[in-house]
Protein backbone atom coordinates (compact mmCIF):
# COMPACT_ATOMS: atom_id res chain seq x y z
CA MET A 1 -49.91 200.80 84.03
CA THR A 2 -52.80 199.53 86.15
CA ASP A 3 -55.50 197.27 84.76
CA THR A 4 -58.87 198.65 85.87
CA THR A 5 -61.07 196.28 83.90
CA THR A 6 -63.35 193.90 85.73
CA THR A 7 -64.72 190.58 84.59
CA GLU A 8 -67.94 190.99 86.59
CA PRO A 9 -70.82 192.61 84.70
CA SER A 10 -72.15 195.72 86.31
CA SER A 11 -75.71 195.87 87.57
CA GLU A 12 -76.40 198.64 85.05
CA SER A 13 -75.45 196.40 82.13
CA ASN A 14 -77.74 193.65 83.50
CA ILE A 15 -80.64 196.10 83.65
CA ASN A 16 -80.01 197.19 80.06
CA ARG A 17 -79.71 193.57 78.97
CA ARG A 18 -83.04 192.61 80.54
CA ARG A 19 -84.78 195.58 78.95
CA SER A 20 -83.39 194.79 75.51
CA VAL A 21 -85.20 191.45 75.28
CA ARG A 22 -88.72 192.10 74.06
CA LEU A 23 -89.92 188.66 72.96
CA PRO A 24 -92.93 188.23 75.27
CA GLY A 25 -94.39 191.54 74.10
CA SER A 26 -93.18 191.27 70.53
CA ARG A 27 -95.35 191.47 67.45
CA GLY A 28 -94.95 187.74 66.73
CA VAL A 29 -96.38 186.71 70.08
CA GLN A 30 -99.28 189.13 69.72
CA VAL A 31 -100.07 187.83 66.23
CA SER A 32 -99.87 184.24 67.43
CA ILE A 33 -102.31 184.89 70.27
CA GLY A 34 -104.61 186.80 67.92
CA VAL A 35 -104.65 184.01 65.35
CA SER A 36 -105.33 181.41 68.02
CA ILE A 37 -108.29 183.43 69.33
CA LEU A 38 -109.62 183.87 65.79
CA LEU A 39 -109.36 180.11 65.19
CA LEU A 40 -111.23 179.41 68.42
CA LEU A 41 -113.96 181.91 67.59
CA ALA A 42 -114.29 180.60 64.04
CA GLY A 43 -114.66 177.08 65.41
CA LEU A 44 -117.31 178.22 67.88
CA LEU A 45 -119.33 180.58 65.71
CA LEU A 46 -118.82 179.86 62.02
CA PHE A 47 -118.41 176.12 61.62
CA ASP A 48 -120.07 172.99 62.87
CA GLY A 49 -119.18 169.34 62.96
CA PRO A 50 -115.64 168.09 62.59
CA MET A 51 -114.33 171.37 61.16
CA ALA A 52 -115.33 173.23 64.33
CA GLY A 53 -113.39 170.72 66.39
CA VAL A 54 -110.35 170.96 64.16
CA LEU A 55 -110.28 174.76 64.33
CA GLY A 56 -110.78 174.67 68.09
CA LEU A 57 -107.92 172.23 68.57
CA TRP A 58 -105.65 174.30 66.32
CA GLY A 59 -106.53 177.43 68.25
CA LEU A 60 -105.96 175.80 71.64
CA SER A 61 -102.71 174.22 70.48
CA LEU A 62 -101.38 177.50 69.11
CA LEU A 63 -102.35 179.38 72.26
CA ALA A 64 -100.78 176.76 74.55
CA ALA A 65 -97.59 176.60 72.47
CA THR A 66 -97.28 180.39 72.53
CA ILE A 67 -97.73 180.60 76.30
CA VAL A 68 -95.37 177.70 77.00
CA GLY A 69 -92.81 179.15 74.58
CA VAL A 70 -92.88 182.58 76.21
CA VAL A 71 -92.56 181.11 79.71
CA ALA A 72 -89.74 178.78 78.62
CA TYR A 73 -87.93 181.64 76.91
CA ARG A 74 -88.20 183.83 80.02
CA ILE A 75 -86.85 181.02 82.22
CA TRP A 76 -84.03 180.23 79.80
CA TYR A 77 -83.10 183.88 79.42
CA ARG A 78 -83.21 184.51 83.17
CA TYR A 79 -81.24 181.45 84.30
CA GLY A 80 -79.70 179.85 81.24
CA SER A 81 -77.55 182.54 79.73
């Protein structure tokens, strides 16, 4: 009886694995970017004074965290696992 199994993953399984990860285009990322844009617009158009600054900072922070998180996840997924 000959063992024909291989421990190396095939290139086809790697392609399927890469396609199965959908985080950067997922609904959560889209909602996060949408909320951050709404916070920025609310700070610019609807409020004035300290509240405008607070909403703007929240919007910028959420947008930056989303972008950094997506990039970090892509790097980790590509090279870390």
